[in-house]
Amino acid sequence: MTRFSAGMSACALVCAAAATYLWVENKNLELKFDQERKRFQEHTQQQDARYLEAVAAFNAYLEHPVERRKQQASPENPVSRITFGPAITTHSSLTLSAAQPLLEAEESSLRQAVSEKYRVLFSEISLDATTEKQLQSLLLERERLAALPTVNYFSAPESFEEHAQLRTQALDEVDQRIVDLLDANSSRLFELTRNSEFEQHQLKEVTDSLSAVNPLSHEQERTLLLAKLRHKEAFNIAMRDYAVAQSNKRAMADEAVKALTRYRDDYLQEASAYLDEEQMAALTDFEALSFEEMEDSLLASLQTQ
């Protein structure tokens, strides 16, 4: 009878433990589902906002074609000054009026993004007022192009590559106009920072983690950012070369991991010259996890190609 009771007790403990485990797992799944649902809702809202912006911008173009084309207007090209009829103007005015708060908020957001993203560039340049205004305008145009949706749920799959090429061509044109305004050193800073949102976000996380105990100076932040962007550039060049030279997916994956490891090690080695022991420990811990996630993402993308 004692053995039977002990066996029943053990079985009850096992069942209780299993029930507890399942309850915890269920709560974890509910939490993950809720997080994914919120993320999807936020993504949908962002997409809706971008589509509204694109529609409003197009309607503004229809309402004021002269403003859009005034740089192209000439006596030899009178077609460039043709305006549209009142029916279209009336309709677009209503649409533009309804979307005006959204457009103003988006404009403010873009200006803030330009100010933050290119702060290193702005700290180095010395331009006259007219040229600096041109630069600001072109950087805003670049951010709009980069954020503008070119495909949606109804786009044909065969149009994806075409749209990507059109975006790349437009960005290349704007980039060249920006470079034309800058000297060699400033052009280099622009090339490094124009696609640096992710790295700047990462650096801010490190800076925030150290702010209360051992904050980074502005010069340290600047030096770390540019160091990482240089090593990122070397990594991207290596990946491009591997893609051209290597057709075997397994070999490509091995080379990618090696290049990513060099990227991490070279960056941390350079960073160690500018940070104290505590700051370096925080950066190393952060980048260990960051590069591990990058490796997982990189290998997953190579496997799907």
C-alpha atoms as a PDB file:
ATOM      1  CA  MET A   1       0.000   0.000   0.000  1.00  0.00           C
ATOM      2  CA  THR A   2       2.950   2.307   0.830  1.00  0.00           C
ATOM      3  CA  ARG A   3       4.565   1.648  -2.550  1.00  0.00           C
ATOM      4  CA  PHE A   4       1.289   2.362  -4.260  1.00  0.00           C
ATOM      5  CA  SER A   5       0.866   5.659  -2.399  1.00  0.00           C
ATOM      6  CA  ALA A   6       4.459   6.680  -3.152  1.00  0.00           C
ATOM      7  CA  GLY A   7       3.910   5.855  -6.819  1.00  0.00           C
ATOM      8  CA  MET A   8       0.723   7.856  -6.899  1.00  0.00           C
ATOM      9  CA  SER A   9       2.482  10.802  -5.246  1.00  0.00           C
ATOM     10  CA  ALA A  10       5.310  10.682  -7.761  1.00  0.00           C
ATOM     11  CA  CYS A  11       2.835  10.501 -10.611  1.00  0.00           C
ATOM     12  CA  ALA A  12       0.929  13.449  -9.169  1.00  0.00           C
ATOM     13  CA  LEU A  13       4.126  15.471  -8.913  1.00  0.00           C
ATOM     14  CA  VAL A  14       5.003  14.672 -12.519  1.00  0.00           C
ATOM     15  CA  CYS A  15       1.523  15.641 -13.684  1.00  0.00           C
ATOM     16  CA  ALA A  16       1.641  18.840 -11.668  1.00  0.00           C
ATOM     17  CA  ALA A  17       5.029  19.742 -13.104  1.00  0.00           C
ATOM     18  CA  ALA A  18       3.810  18.994 -16.630  1.00  0.00           C
ATOM     19  CA  ALA A  19       0.704  21.085 -16.075  1.00  0.00           C
ATOM     20  CA  THR A  20       2.788  23.964 -14.728  1.00  0.00           C
ATOM     21  CA  TYR A  21       5.146  23.727 -17.725  1.00  0.00           C
ATOM     22  CA  LEU A  22       2.245  23.721 -20.178  1.00  0.00           C
ATOM     23  CA  TRP A  23       0.648  26.683 -18.416  1.00  0.00           C
ATOM     24  CA  VAL A  24       3.890  28.676 -18.587  1.00  0.00           C
ATOM     25  CA  GLU A  25       4.409  27.749 -22.248  1.00  0.00           C
ATOM     26  CA  ASN A  26       0.842  28.753 -23.036  1.00  0.00           C
ATOM     27  CA  LYS A  27       1.375  32.130 -21.370  1.00  0.00           C
ATOM     28  CA  ASN A  28       4.606  32.608 -23.318  1.00  0.00           C
ATOM     29  CA  LEU A  29       2.823  31.793 -26.569  1.00  0.00           C
ATOM     30  CA  GLU A  30       0.014  34.202 -25.708  1.00  0.00           C
ATOM     31  CA  LEU A  31       2.558  36.930 -25.000  1.00  0.00           C
ATOM     32  CA  LYS A  32       4.434  36.267 -28.254  1.00  0.00           C
ATOM     33  CA  PHE A  33       1.177  36.233 -30.200  1.00  0.00           C
ATOM     34  CA  ASP A  34       0.125  39.539 -28.647  1.00  0.00           C
ATOM     35  CA  GLN A  35       3.517  41.069 -29.492  1.00  0.00           C
ATOM     36  CA  GLU A  36       3.309  39.848 -33.091  1.00  0.00           C
ATOM     37  CA  ARG A  37      -0.257  41.142 -33.384  1.00  0.00           C
ATOM     38  CA  LYS A  38       0.806  44.591 -32.166  1.00  0.00           C
ATOM     39  CA  ARG A  39       3.818  44.561 -34.488  1.00  0.00           C
ATOM     40  CA  PHE A  40       1.579  43.661 -37.435  1.00  0.00           C
ATOM     41  CA  GLN A  41      -0.877  46.434 -36.534  1.00  0.00           C
ATOM     42  CA  GLU A  42       1.935  48.989 -36.309  1.00  0.00           C
ATOM     43  CA  HIS A  43       3.320  47.807 -39.649  1.00  0.00           C
ATOM     44  CA  THR A  44      -0.119  48.080 -41.244  1.00  0.00           C
ATOM     45  CA  GLN A  45      -0.578  51.594 -39.880  1.00  0.00           C
ATOM     46  CA  GLN A  46       2.820  52.647 -41.214  1.00  0.00           C
ATOM     47  CA  GLN A  47       2.006  51.203 -44.636  1.00  0.00           C
ATOM     48  CA  ASP A  48      -1.353  52.968 -44.673  1.00  0.00           C
ATOM     49  CA  ALA A  49       0.322  56.250 -43.784  1.00  0.00           C
ATOM     50  CA  ARG A  50       2.872  55.828 -46.580  1.00  0.00           C
ATOM     51  CA  TYR A  51       0.175  55.014 -49.129  1.00  0.00           C
ATOM     52  CA  LEU A  52      -1.797  58.104 -48.082  1.00  0.00           C
ATOM     53  CA  GLU A  53       1.333  60.191 -48.390  1.00  0.00           C
ATOM     54  CA  ALA A  54       2.042  58.846 -51.873  1.00  0.00           C
ATOM     55  CA  VAL A  55      -1.537  59.538 -52.991  1.00  0.00           C
ATOM     56  CA  ALA A  56      -1.491  63.036 -51.516  1.00  0.00           C
ATOM     57  CA  ALA A  57       1.869  63.804 -53.092  1.00  0.00           C
ATOM     58  CA  PHE A  58       0.603  62.671 -56.477  1.00  0.00           C
ATOM     59  CA  ASN A  59      -2.522  64.778 -56.124  1.00  0.00           C
ATOM     60  CA  ALA A  60      -0.351  67.742 -55.183  1.00  0.00           C
ATOM     61  CA  TYR A  61       1.618  67.119 -58.357  1.00  0.00           C
ATOM     62  CA  LEU A  62      -1.602  67.196 -60.384  1.00  0.00           C
ATOM     63  CA  GLU A  63      -2.723  70.399 -58.690  1.00  0.00           C
ATOM     64  CA  HIS A  64       0.577  72.254 -59.160  1.00  0.00           C
ATOM     65  CA  PRO A  65       2.352  70.781 -62.178  1.00  0.00           C
ATOM     66  CA  VAL A  66       4.035  74.118 -62.858  1.00  0.00           C
ATOM     67  CA  GLU A  67       5.731  74.057 -59.446  1.00  0.00           C
ATOM     68  CA  ARG A  68       6.910  70.479 -60.026  1.00  0.00           C
ATOM     69  CA  ARG A  69       8.272  71.224 -63.498  1.00  0.00           C
ATOM     70  CA  LYS A  70       9.419  74.814 -63.200  1.00  0.00           C
ATOM     71  CA  GLN A  71      13.089  73.839 -63.437  1.00  0.00           C
ATOM     72  CA  GLN A  72      12.390  72.081 -66.715  1.00  0.00           C
ATOM     73  CA  ALA A  73      10.368  74.913 -68.208  1.00  0.00           C
ATOM     74  CA  SER A  74      11.877  76.823 -71.092  1.00  0.00           C
ATOM     75  CA  PRO A  75      10.728  78.808 -74.149  1.00  0.00           C
ATOM     76  CA  GLU A  76      11.681  75.802 -76.261  1.00  0.00           C
ATOM     77  CA  ASN A  77       9.573  73.485 -74.122  1.00  0.00           C
ATOM     78  CA  PRO A  78       6.148  75.103 -73.634  1.00  0.00           C
ATOM     79  CA  VAL A  79       4.560  71.713 -72.920  1.00  0.00           C
ATOM     80  CA  SER A  80       6.283  71.705 -69.535  1.00  0.00           C
ATOM     81  CA  ARG A  81       4.039  74.570 -68.422  1.00  0.00           C
ATOM     82  CA  ILE A  82       0.701  72.954 -69.285  1.00  0.00           C
ATOM     83  CA  THR A  83      -1.784  72.884 -66.360  1.00  0.00           C
ATOM     84  CA  PHE A  84      -4.686  70.558 -65.716  1.00  0.00           C
ATOM     85  CA  GLY A  85      -8.421  71.218 -65.722  1.00  0.00           C
ATOM     86  CA  PRO A  86     -10.494  72.551 -62.804  1.00  0.00           C
ATOM     87  CA  ALA A  87     -12.214  69.213 -62.147  1.00  0.00           C
ATOM     88  CA  ILE A  88      -8.943  67.539 -61.222  1.00  0.00           C
ATOM     89  CA  THR A  89      -7.785  70.590 -59.272  1.00  0.00           C
ATOM     90  CA  THR A  90     -10.961  70.666 -57.166  1.00  0.00           C
ATOM     91  CA  HIS A  91     -10.744  66.971 -56.356  1.00  0.00           C
ATOM     92  CA  SER A  92      -7.054  67.071 -55.490  1.00  0.00           C
ATOM     93  CA  SER A  93      -7.557  70.151 -53.300  1.00  0.00           C
ATOM     94  CA  LEU A  94     -10.041  68.248 -51.171  1.00  0.00           C
ATOM     95  CA  THR A  95      -7.743  65.261 -50.894  1.00  0.00           C
ATOM     96  CA  LEU A  96      -4.713  67.390 -50.115  1.00  0.00           C
ATOM     97  CA  SER A  97      -6.657  69.325 -47.456  1.00  0.00           C
ATOM     98  CA  ALA A  98      -7.685  66.104 -45.702  1.00  0.00           C
ATOM     99  CA  ALA A  99      -4.144  64.750 -45.786  1.00  0.00           C
ATOM    100  CA  GLN A 100      -2.413  67.995 -44.796  1.00  0.00           C
ATOM    101  CA  PRO A 101      -1.869  67.113 -41.095  1.00  0.00           C
ATOM    102  CA  LEU A 102      -0.357  63.782 -42.115  1.00  0.00           C
ATOM    103  CA  LEU A 103       1.895  65.413 -44.692  1.00  0.00           C
ATOM    104  CA  GLU A 104       3.087  68.001 -42.185  1.00  0.00           C
ATOM    105  CA  ALA A 105       3.818  65.312 -39.596  1.00  0.00           C
ATOM    106  CA  GLU A 106       5.699  63.266 -42.178  1.00  0.00           C
ATOM    107  CA  GLU A 107       7.701  66.313 -43.260  1.00  0.00           C
ATOM    108  CA  SER A 108       8.661  67.013 -39.656  1.00  0.00           C
ATOM    109  CA  SER A 109       9.647  63.372 -39.171  1.00  0.00           C
ATOM    110  CA  LEU A 110      11.817  63.407 -42.297  1.00  0.00           C
ATOM    111  CA  ARG A 111      13.571  66.606 -41.242  1.00  0.00           C
ATOM    112  CA  GLN A 112      14.303  65.089 -37.842  1.00  0.00           C
ATOM    113  CA  ALA A 113      15.633  61.931 -39.506  1.00  0.00           C
ATOM    114  CA  VAL A 114      17.932  63.965 -41.753  1.00  0.00           C
ATOM    115  CA  SER A 115      19.193  66.007 -38.809  1.00  0.00           C
ATOM    116  CA  GLU A 116      20.002  62.888 -36.750  1.00  0.00           C
ATOM    117  CA  LYS A 117      21.242  60.636 -39.520  1.00  0.00           C
ATOM    118  CA  TYR A 118      23.671  63.147 -41.014  1.00  0.00           C
ATOM    119  CA  ARG A 119      24.791  64.908 -37.830  1.00  0.00           C
ATOM    120  CA  VAL A 120      28.393  63.781 -38.399  1.00  0.00           C
ATOM    121  CA  LEU A 121      28.301  65.212 -41.924  1.00  0.00           C
ATOM    122  CA  PHE A 122      26.774  68.503 -40.763  1.00  0.00           C
ATOM    123  CA  SER A 123      29.460  68.890 -38.098  1.00  0.00           C
ATOM    124  CA  GLU A 124      32.196  68.734 -40.771  1.00  0.00           C
ATOM    125  CA  ILE A 125      30.868  70.776 -43.672  1.00  0.00           C
ATOM    126  CA  SER A 126      31.224  74.503 -44.215  1.00  0.00           C
ATOM    127  CA  LEU A 127      28.906  75.689 -46.983  1.00  0.00           C
ATOM    128  CA  ASP A 128      27.353  78.992 -47.924  1.00  0.00           C
ATOM    129  CA  ALA A 129      23.677  79.440 -47.042  1.00  0.00           C
ATOM    130  CA  THR A 130      22.398  78.730 -50.561  1.00  0.00           C
ATOM    131  CA  THR A 131      24.409  75.526 -50.995  1.00  0.00           C
ATOM    132  CA  GLU A 132      23.510  74.272 -47.518  1.00  0.00           C
ATOM    133  CA  LYS A 133      19.826  74.808 -48.304  1.00  0.00           C
ATOM    134  CA  GLN A 134      20.255  72.797 -51.521  1.00  0.00           C
ATOM    135  CA  LEU A 135      21.959  70.042 -49.539  1.00  0.00           C
ATOM    136  CA  GLN A 136      19.154  69.914 -46.967  1.00  0.00           C
ATOM    137  CA  SER A 137      16.569  69.727 -49.755  1.00  0.00           C
ATOM    138  CA  LEU A 138      18.392  66.894 -51.526  1.00  0.00           C
ATOM    139  CA  LEU A 139      18.839  64.911 -48.312  1.00  0.00           C
ATOM    140  CA  LEU A 140      15.103  65.241 -47.637  1.00  0.00           C
ATOM    141  CA  GLU A 141      14.368  64.080 -51.172  1.00  0.00           C
ATOM    142  CA  ARG A 142      16.647  61.090 -50.632  1.00  0.00           C
ATOM    143  CA  GLU A 143      14.853  60.075 -47.434  1.00  0.00           C
ATOM    144  CA  ARG A 144      11.485  60.335 -49.181  1.00  0.00           C
ATOM    145  CA  LEU A 145      12.685  58.113 -52.014  1.00  0.00           C
ATOM    146  CA  ALA A 146      14.123  55.566 -49.605  1.00  0.00           C
ATOM    147  CA  ALA A 147      10.845  55.388 -47.639  1.00  0.00           C
ATOM    148  CA  LEU A 148       8.424  55.542 -50.571  1.00  0.00           C
ATOM    149  CA  PRO A 149       6.646  52.199 -51.171  1.00  0.00           C
ATOM    150  CA  THR A 150       7.078  50.926 -54.714  1.00  0.00           C
ATOM    151  CA  VAL A 151       5.078  47.693 -54.400  1.00  0.00           C
ATOM    152  CA  ASN A 152       1.983  46.595 -52.533  1.00  0.00           C
ATOM    153  CA  TYR A 153      -0.140  43.488 -52.080  1.00  0.00           C
ATOM    154  CA  PHE A 154      -1.545  43.877 -55.588  1.00  0.00           C
ATOM    155  CA  SER A 155       1.781  44.318 -57.377  1.00  0.00           C
ATOM    156  CA  ALA A 156       2.711  41.621 -59.885  1.00  0.00           C
ATOM    157  CA  PRO A 157       5.805  39.603 -58.826  1.00  0.00           C
ATOM    158  CA  GLU A 158       7.551  40.416 -62.105  1.00  0.00           C
ATOM    159  CA  SER A 159       7.372  44.129 -61.258  1.00  0.00           C
ATOM    160  CA  PHE A 160       9.384  43.809 -58.039  1.00  0.00           C
ATOM    161  CA  GLU A 161      12.781  43.860 -59.741  1.00  0.00           C
ATOM    162  CA  GLU A 162      11.742  46.681 -62.068  1.00  0.00           C
ATOM    163  CA  HIS A 163      10.570  48.803 -59.138  1.00  0.00           C
ATOM    164  CA  ALA A 164      13.769  48.081 -57.210  1.00  0.00           C
ATOM    165  CA  GLN A 165      15.829  49.193 -60.203  1.00  0.00           C
ATOM    166  CA  LEU A 166      13.799  52.392 -60.563  1.00  0.00           C
ATOM    167  CA  ARG A 167      14.332  53.205 -56.888  1.00  0.00           C
ATOM    168  CA  THR A 168      18.056  52.507 -57.181  1.00  0.00           C
ATOM    169  CA  GLN A 169      18.352  54.723 -60.257  1.00  0.00           C
ATOM    170  CA  ALA A 170      16.504  57.564 -58.529  1.00  0.00           C
ATOM    171  CA  LEU A 171      18.661  57.280 -55.401  1.00  0.00           C
ATOM    172  CA  ASP A 172      21.841  57.164 -57.490  1.00  0.00           C
ATOM    173  CA  GLU A 173      20.816  60.377 -59.250  1.00  0.00           C
ATOM    174  CA  VAL A 174      20.108  62.191 -55.983  1.00  0.00           C
ATOM    175  CA  ASP A 175      23.317  60.851 -54.440  1.00  0.00           C
ATOM    176  CA  GLN A 176      25.351  62.234 -57.331  1.00  0.00           C
ATOM    177  CA  ARG A 177      23.726  65.658 -56.949  1.00  0.00           C
ATOM    178  CA  ILE A 178      24.593  65.605 -53.249  1.00  0.00           C
ATOM    179  CA  VAL A 179      28.205  64.618 -53.903  1.00  0.00           C
ATOM    180  CA  ASP A 180      28.505  67.441 -56.430  1.00  0.00           C
ATOM    181  CA  LEU A 181      27.864  69.926 -53.609  1.00  0.00           C
ATOM    182  CA  LEU A 182      30.548  68.508 -51.295  1.00  0.00           C
ATOM    183  CA  ASP A 183      34.314  68.289 -51.145  1.00  0.00           C
ATOM    184  CA  ALA A 184      36.136  64.947 -51.079  1.00  0.00           C
ATOM    185  CA  ASN A 185      36.120  64.524 -47.292  1.00  0.00           C
ATOM    186  CA  SER A 186      32.450  65.456 -46.916  1.00  0.00           C
ATOM    187  CA  SER A 187      31.500  63.198 -49.837  1.00  0.00           C
ATOM    188  CA  ARG A 188      33.188  60.308 -48.030  1.00  0.00           C
ATOM    189  CA  LEU A 189      31.202  61.046 -44.862  1.00  0.00           C
ATOM    190  CA  PHE A 190      27.984  61.092 -46.883  1.00  0.00           C
ATOM    191  CA  GLU A 191      28.802  57.754 -48.528  1.00  0.00           C
ATOM    192  CA  LEU A 192      29.416  56.173 -45.127  1.00  0.00           C
ATOM    193  CA  THR A 193      26.327  57.567 -43.399  1.00  0.00           C
ATOM    194  CA  ARG A 194      23.672  57.440 -46.122  1.00  0.00           C
ATOM    195  CA  ASN A 195      22.643  53.871 -45.147  1.00  0.00           C
ATOM    196  CA  SER A 196      23.636  53.954 -41.486  1.00  0.00           C
ATOM    197  CA  GLU A 197      20.267  53.955 -39.687  1.00  0.00           C
ATOM    198  CA  PHE A 198      20.742  50.472 -38.208  1.00  0.00           C
ATOM    199  CA  GLU A 199      24.283  51.117 -36.971  1.00  0.00           C
ATOM    200  CA  GLN A 200      23.296  54.469 -35.467  1.00  0.00           C
ATOM    201  CA  HIS A 201      20.366  52.811 -33.698  1.00  0.00           C
ATOM    202  CA  GLN A 202      22.724  50.150 -32.294  1.00  0.00           C
ATOM    203  CA  LEU A 203      25.216  52.748 -31.107  1.00  0.00           C
ATOM    204  CA  LYS A 204      22.422  54.624 -29.350  1.00  0.00           C
ATOM    205  CA  GLU A 205      21.542  51.453 -27.433  1.00  0.00           C
ATOM    206  CA  VAL A 206      25.143  51.120 -26.254  1.00  0.00           C
ATOM    207  CA  THR A 207      25.297  54.830 -25.386  1.00  0.00           C
ATOM    208  CA  ASP A 208      22.045  54.637 -23.422  1.00  0.00           C
ATOM    209  CA  SER A 209      23.269  51.601 -21.467  1.00  0.00           C
ATOM    210  CA  LEU A 210      26.399  53.495 -20.412  1.00  0.00           C
ATOM    211  CA  SER A 211      24.841  56.912 -19.886  1.00  0.00           C
ATOM    212  CA  ALA A 212      24.236  56.498 -16.152  1.00  0.00           C
ATOM    213  CA  VAL A 213      27.582  54.922 -15.217  1.00  0.00           C
ATOM    214  CA  ASN A 214      30.262  55.728 -17.789  1.00  0.00           C
ATOM    215  CA  PRO A 215      28.855  57.784 -20.677  1.00  0.00           C
ATOM    216  CA  LEU A 216      30.526  58.027 -24.058  1.00  0.00           C
ATOM    217  CA  SER A 217      31.678  61.450 -25.172  1.00  0.00           C
ATOM    218  CA  HIS A 218      30.404  62.909 -28.441  1.00  0.00           C
ATOM    219  CA  GLU A 219      33.835  62.341 -29.945  1.00  0.00           C
ATOM    220  CA  GLN A 220      33.790  58.674 -28.867  1.00  0.00           C
ATOM    221  CA  GLU A 221      30.337  58.217 -30.407  1.00  0.00           C
ATOM    222  CA  ARG A 222      31.471  59.802 -33.662  1.00  0.00           C
ATOM    223  CA  THR A 223      34.666  57.714 -33.777  1.00  0.00           C
ATOM    224  CA  LEU A 224      32.834  54.449 -33.039  1.00  0.00           C
ATOM    225  CA  LEU A 225      30.153  55.124 -35.639  1.00  0.00           C
ATOM    226  CA  LEU A 226      32.623  55.900 -38.423  1.00  0.00           C
ATOM    227  CA  ALA A 227      34.821  52.948 -37.463  1.00  0.00           C
ATOM    228  CA  LYS A 228      31.886  50.548 -37.635  1.00  0.00           C
ATOM    229  CA  LEU A 229      30.675  51.998 -40.925  1.00  0.00           C
ATOM    230  CA  ARG A 230      34.130  51.574 -42.493  1.00  0.00           C
ATOM    231  CA  HIS A 231      34.297  47.934 -41.429  1.00  0.00           C
ATOM    232  CA  LYS A 232      30.696  47.413 -42.578  1.00  0.00           C
ATOM    233  CA  GLU A 233      31.710  48.784 -45.978  1.00  0.00           C
ATOM    234  CA  ALA A 234      34.630  46.321 -46.162  1.00  0.00           C
ATOM    235  CA  PHE A 235      32.239  43.494 -45.248  1.00  0.00           C
ATOM    236  CA  ASN A 236      29.762  44.512 -47.966  1.00  0.00           C
ATOM    237  CA  ILE A 237      32.545  44.616 -50.567  1.00  0.00           C
ATOM    238  CA  ALA A 238      33.713  41.145 -49.518  1.00  0.00           C
ATOM    239  CA  MET A 239      30.174  39.786 -49.753  1.00  0.00           C
ATOM    240  CA  ARG A 240      29.729  41.278 -53.201  1.00  0.00           C
ATOM    241  CA  ASP A 241      32.971  39.716 -54.391  1.00  0.00           C
ATOM    242  CA  TYR A 242      32.024  36.327 -52.917  1.00  0.00           C
ATOM    243  CA  ALA A 243      28.644  36.473 -54.653  1.00  0.00           C
ATOM    244  CA  VAL A 244      30.370  37.017 -57.998  1.00  0.00           C
ATOM    245  CA  ALA A 245      33.067  34.382 -57.521  1.00  0.00           C
ATOM    246  CA  GLN A 246      31.189  31.679 -55.620  1.00  0.00           C
ATOM    247  CA  SER A 247      28.269  29.607 -56.886  1.00  0.00           C
ATOM    248  CA  ASN A 248      28.278  26.905 -54.188  1.00  0.00           C
ATOM    249  CA  LYS A 249      25.855  27.884 -51.432  1.00  0.00           C
ATOM    250  CA  ARG A 250      27.741  26.043 -48.716  1.00  0.00           C
ATOM    251  CA  ALA A 251      31.027  27.671 -49.652  1.00  0.00           C
ATOM    252  CA  MET A 252      29.284  31.021 -49.873  1.00  0.00           C
ATOM    253  CA  ALA A 253      27.859  30.574 -46.375  1.00  0.00           C
ATOM    254  CA  ASP A 254      31.284  29.678 -44.972  1.00  0.00           C
ATOM    255  CA  GLU A 255      32.874  32.739 -46.560  1.00  0.00           C
ATOM    256  CA  ALA A 256      30.029  34.933 -45.316  1.00  0.00           C
ATOM    257  CA  VAL A 257      30.547  33.801 -41.724  1.00  0.00           C
ATOM    258  CA  LYS A 258      34.297  34.446 -42.014  1.00  0.00           C
ATOM    259  CA  ALA A 259      33.690  37.919 -43.421  1.00  0.00           C
ATOM    260  CA  LEU A 260      31.185  38.701 -40.667  1.00  0.00           C
ATOM    261  CA  THR A 261      33.654  37.514 -38.020  1.00  0.00           C
ATOM    262  CA  ARG A 262      36.362  39.768 -39.493  1.00  0.00           C
ATOM    263  CA  TYR A 263      33.894  42.651 -39.489  1.00  0.00           C
ATOM    264  CA  ARG A 264      33.181  42.150 -35.768  1.00  0.00           C
ATOM    265  CA  ASP A 265      36.779  41.504 -34.676  1.00  0.00           C
ATOM    266  CA  ASP A 266      38.305  44.361 -36.677  1.00  0.00           C
ATOM    267  CA  TYR A 267      35.682  46.794 -35.434  1.00  0.00           C
ATOM    268  CA  LEU A 268      36.110  45.805 -31.776  1.00  0.00           C
ATOM    269  CA  GLN A 269      39.894  45.910 -32.136  1.00  0.00           C
ATOM    270  CA  GLU A 270      39.740  49.483 -33.417  1.00  0.00           C
ATOM    271  CA  ALA A 271      37.150  50.469 -30.817  1.00  0.00           C
ATOM    272  CA  SER A 272      39.402  49.279 -27.981  1.00  0.00           C
ATOM    273  CA  ALA A 273      41.784  52.154 -28.728  1.00  0.00           C
ATOM    274  CA  TYR A 274      39.101  54.747 -27.869  1.00  0.00           C
ATOM    275  CA  LEU A 275      37.249  53.211 -24.904  1.00  0.00           C
ATOM    276  CA  ASP A 276      38.111  52.416 -21.309  1.00  0.00           C
ATOM    277  CA  GLU A 277      37.738  48.916 -19.875  1.00  0.00           C
ATOM    278  CA  GLU A 278      34.158  49.333 -18.680  1.00  0.00           C
ATOM    279  CA  GLN A 279      32.972  50.911 -21.910  1.00  0.00           C
ATOM    280  CA  MET A 280      34.729  48.246 -23.962  1.00  0.00           C
ATOM    281  CA  ALA A 281      33.118  45.451 -21.955  1.00  0.00           C
ATOM    282  CA  ALA A 282      29.651  46.907 -22.577  1.00  0.00           C
ATOM    283  CA  LEU A 283      30.327  47.297 -26.299  1.00  0.00           C
ATOM    284  CA  THR A 284      31.758  43.768 -26.610  1.00  0.00           C
ATOM    285  CA  ASP A 285      28.753  42.195 -24.871  1.00  0.00           C
ATOM    286  CA  PHE A 286      26.333  44.119 -27.046  1.00  0.00           C
ATOM    287  CA  GLU A 287      28.115  43.335 -30.315  1.00  0.00           C
ATOM    288  CA  ALA A 288      28.486  39.635 -29.465  1.00  0.00           C
ATOM    289  CA  LEU A 289      24.709  39.282 -29.450  1.00  0.00           C
ATOM    290  CA  SER A 290      24.231  41.664 -32.362  1.00  0.00           C
ATOM    291  CA  PHE A 291      26.631  39.835 -34.668  1.00  0.00           C
ATOM    292  CA  GLU A 292      25.195  36.473 -33.642  1.00  0.00           C
ATOM    293  CA  GLU A 293      21.774  37.678 -34.773  1.00  0.00           C
ATOM    294  CA  MET A 294      23.284  39.044 -37.980  1.00  0.00           C
ATOM    295  CA  GLU A 295      24.925  35.684 -38.692  1.00  0.00           C
ATOM    296  CA  ASP A 296      21.646  33.810 -38.184  1.00  0.00           C
ATOM    297  CA  SER A 297      19.844  36.244 -40.489  1.00  0.00           C
ATOM    298  CA  LEU A 298      22.585  36.088 -43.105  1.00  0.00           C
ATOM    299  CA  LEU A 299      22.667  32.282 -43.206  1.00  0.00           C
ATOM    300  CA  ALA A 300      18.881  32.126 -43.371  1.00  0.00           C
ATOM    301  CA  SER A 301      18.841  34.507 -46.352  1.00  0.00           C
ATOM    302  CA  LEU A 302      21.526  32.489 -48.159  1.00  0.00           C
ATOM    303  CA  GLN A 303      19.564  29.275 -47.644  1.00  0.00           C
ATOM    304  CA  THR A 304      16.480  30.763 -49.307  1.00  0.00           C
ATOM    305  CA  GLN A 305      18.355  31.919 -52.422  1.00  0.00           C
END
